Amino acid sequence: MGWRVPFVVVEVYGPSMVPTLYEGDRLFVRYGAAVRPGDVVLLRHPFQQDLVVVKRAVERRRGGWWVLGDNGFNRTGDSEDFGSVPEELVLAVARLRYRPRRPDQRSLRARLSWAVSAVRPLLPDPAASSRLRAL
């Protein structure tokens, strides 16, 4: 009977998921979790399989998942470029976002503000899914 790690922590790079995720955010992801429309997912880039990216699973289509970034001003590196992502390339579902405290957040007010917003669950967002699908 093998023991599996339920969550793995990964770091976000790049602006494609702003405003949901920012560069430097940490994600608690669950490998092998069932993907639902609106989930934030970790996947292997279909054309560069050594590259792992974070996108929102918008809908299931022929050939796999249609994925898009949340940042409407940064429309590169998603299904608009490479089409549906085969199921086997979708690795994990992000369940929790942790935003590390920045060095300039030294005042009590800044620290309290950070403490209130540092950890957020990443629940499936069907509204985001339909909003992105309409673009």
Protein backbone atom coordinates (compact mmCIF):
# COMPACT_ATOMS: atom_id res chain seq x y z
CA MET A 1 0.00 0.00 0.00
CA GLY A 2 1.70 3.20 -1.21
CA TRP A 3 1.44 6.51 0.58
CA ARG A 4 0.67 9.54 -1.60
CA VAL A 5 1.38 13.14 -0.77
CA PRO A 6 -2.04 14.84 -0.87
CA PHE A 7 -0.75 18.31 -1.77
CA VAL A 8 2.38 19.74 -3.34
CA VAL A 9 3.39 23.41 -3.21
CA VAL A 10 4.30 25.15 -6.49
CA GLU A 11 5.24 28.78 -7.21
CA VAL A 12 3.52 30.99 -9.78
CA TYR A 13 5.61 32.72 -12.44
CA GLY A 14 4.28 35.22 -14.96
CA PRO A 15 1.14 37.37 -15.27
CA SER A 16 -1.29 35.11 -17.17
CA MET A 17 -3.54 34.46 -14.15
CA VAL A 18 -3.71 38.02 -12.73
CA PRO A 19 -5.87 39.08 -10.83
CA THR A 20 -6.48 35.59 -9.38
CA LEU A 21 -2.78 34.78 -9.00
CA TYR A 22 0.34 36.94 -8.98
CA GLU A 23 3.96 36.07 -9.60
CA GLY A 24 5.42 34.65 -6.41
CA ASP A 25 2.14 33.23 -5.10
CA ARG A 26 2.34 29.66 -3.84
CA LEU A 27 -0.29 27.12 -4.79
CA PHE A 28 -1.23 23.97 -2.92
CA VAL A 29 -2.07 21.58 -5.75
CA ARG A 30 -3.52 18.09 -5.69
CA TYR A 31 -2.24 15.69 -8.31
CA GLY A 32 -4.81 13.35 -9.83
CA ALA A 33 -7.82 15.34 -8.59
CA ALA A 34 -10.92 15.42 -10.77
CA VAL A 35 -11.08 18.61 -12.85
CA ARG A 36 -14.30 20.63 -12.98
CA PRO A 37 -15.10 23.66 -15.14
CA GLY A 38 -13.76 26.75 -13.39
CA ASP A 39 -10.87 24.96 -11.62
CA VAL A 40 -7.37 26.43 -11.65
CA VAL A 41 -5.17 23.64 -12.99
CA LEU A 42 -1.52 22.76 -13.42
CA LEU A 43 -0.73 21.30 -16.84
CA ARG A 44 2.09 20.41 -19.17
CA HIS A 45 2.27 22.77 -22.15
CA PRO A 46 1.14 20.71 -25.18
CA PHE A 47 4.03 21.93 -27.37
CA GLN A 48 6.75 22.21 -24.68
CA GLN A 49 6.11 19.34 -22.31
CA ASP A 50 9.01 20.26 -20.05
CA LEU A 51 7.07 23.49 -19.27
CA VAL A 52 4.35 23.35 -16.59
CA VAL A 53 1.75 26.14 -16.65
CA VAL A 54 -1.19 27.29 -14.52
CA LYS A 55 -4.50 28.07 -16.26
CA ARG A 56 -8.24 27.94 -15.64
CA ALA A 57 -10.09 24.91 -17.02
CA VAL A 58 -12.97 26.54 -18.87
CA GLU A 59 -14.74 23.54 -20.38
CA ARG A 60 -14.23 20.01 -21.57
CA ARG A 61 -14.10 19.76 -25.36
CA ARG A 62 -13.23 17.15 -27.93
CA GLY A 63 -9.61 16.31 -27.29
CA GLY A 64 -9.47 17.49 -23.66
CA TRP A 65 -9.79 20.69 -21.64
CA TRP A 66 -10.08 24.21 -23.01
CA VAL A 67 -7.89 26.33 -20.70
CA LEU A 68 -7.42 30.09 -20.50
CA GLY A 69 -5.53 32.55 -18.34
CA ASP A 70 -7.58 34.94 -16.19
CA ASN A 71 -5.62 37.98 -17.41
CA GLY A 72 -7.47 39.43 -20.41
CA PHE A 73 -4.47 41.61 -21.26
CA ASN A 74 -2.06 38.66 -21.49
CA ARG A 75 -3.64 36.29 -24.01
CA THR A 76 -0.70 34.01 -24.78
CA GLY A 77 0.09 30.45 -23.86
CA ASP A 78 -3.42 29.04 -23.49
CA SER A 79 -5.97 27.17 -25.60
CA GLU A 80 -6.31 30.19 -27.89
CA ASP A 81 -2.78 29.24 -29.04
CA PHE A 82 -2.66 25.46 -28.71
CA GLY A 83 -6.26 24.23 -28.63
CA SER A 84 -7.68 21.70 -26.20
CA VAL A 85 -5.26 20.14 -23.72
CA PRO A 86 -5.36 16.33 -23.60
CA GLU A 87 -6.52 14.92 -20.25
CA GLU A 88 -3.15 13.26 -19.60
CA LEU A 89 -1.39 16.66 -19.68
CA VAL A 90 -3.62 18.12 -16.93
CA LEU A 91 -1.58 17.21 -13.86
CA ALA A 92 -3.20 18.77 -10.81
CA VAL A 93 -5.92 21.04 -9.47
CA ALA A 94 -4.96 24.06 -7.34
CA ARG A 95 -6.95 24.15 -4.10
CA LEU A 96 -5.31 26.92 -2.06
CA ARG A 97 -3.36 30.10 -2.80
CA TYR A 98 -0.77 31.47 -0.36
CA ARG A 99 0.66 34.93 -0.97
CA PRO A 100 4.00 35.45 0.84
CA ARG A 101 4.50 38.73 2.70
CA ARG A 102 6.54 41.29 0.78
CA PRO A 103 9.57 42.87 2.50
CA ASP A 104 7.97 46.34 2.28
CA GLN A 105 4.97 45.22 4.34
CA ARG A 106 6.44 46.25 7.68
CA SER A 107 3.82 48.44 9.32
CA LEU A 108 1.21 46.89 11.58
CA ARG A 109 -1.52 47.88 9.13
CA ALA A 110 0.33 46.28 6.19
CA ARG A 111 0.97 43.10 8.18
CA LEU A 112 -2.68 42.84 9.24
CA SER A 113 -3.84 43.42 5.69
CA TRP A 114 -1.49 40.67 4.50
CA ALA A 115 -2.61 38.29 7.26
CA VAL A 116 -6.26 38.66 6.27
CA SER A 117 -5.62 38.00 2.56
CA ALA A 118 -2.53 35.74 2.53
CA VAL A 119 -4.40 32.45 2.24
CA ARG A 120 -7.39 31.94 -0.05
CA PRO A 121 -9.11 28.78 -1.22
CA LEU A 122 -9.22 28.33 -4.99
CA LEU A 123 -12.70 26.93 -5.45
CA PRO A 124 -14.05 26.17 -8.93
CA ASP A 125 -15.37 29.40 -10.39
CA PRO A 126 -18.05 28.54 -12.97
CA ALA A 127 -18.80 32.25 -13.40
CA ALA A 128 -15.18 32.84 -14.46
CA SER A 129 -15.44 29.83 -16.70
CA SER A 130 -18.47 31.19 -18.58
CA ARG A 131 -17.02 34.73 -18.62
CA LEU A 132 -13.78 33.47 -20.18
CA ARG A 133 -15.65 31.25 -22.63
CA ALA A 134 -17.54 34.32 -23.92
CA LEU A 135 -14.34 36.18 -24.80
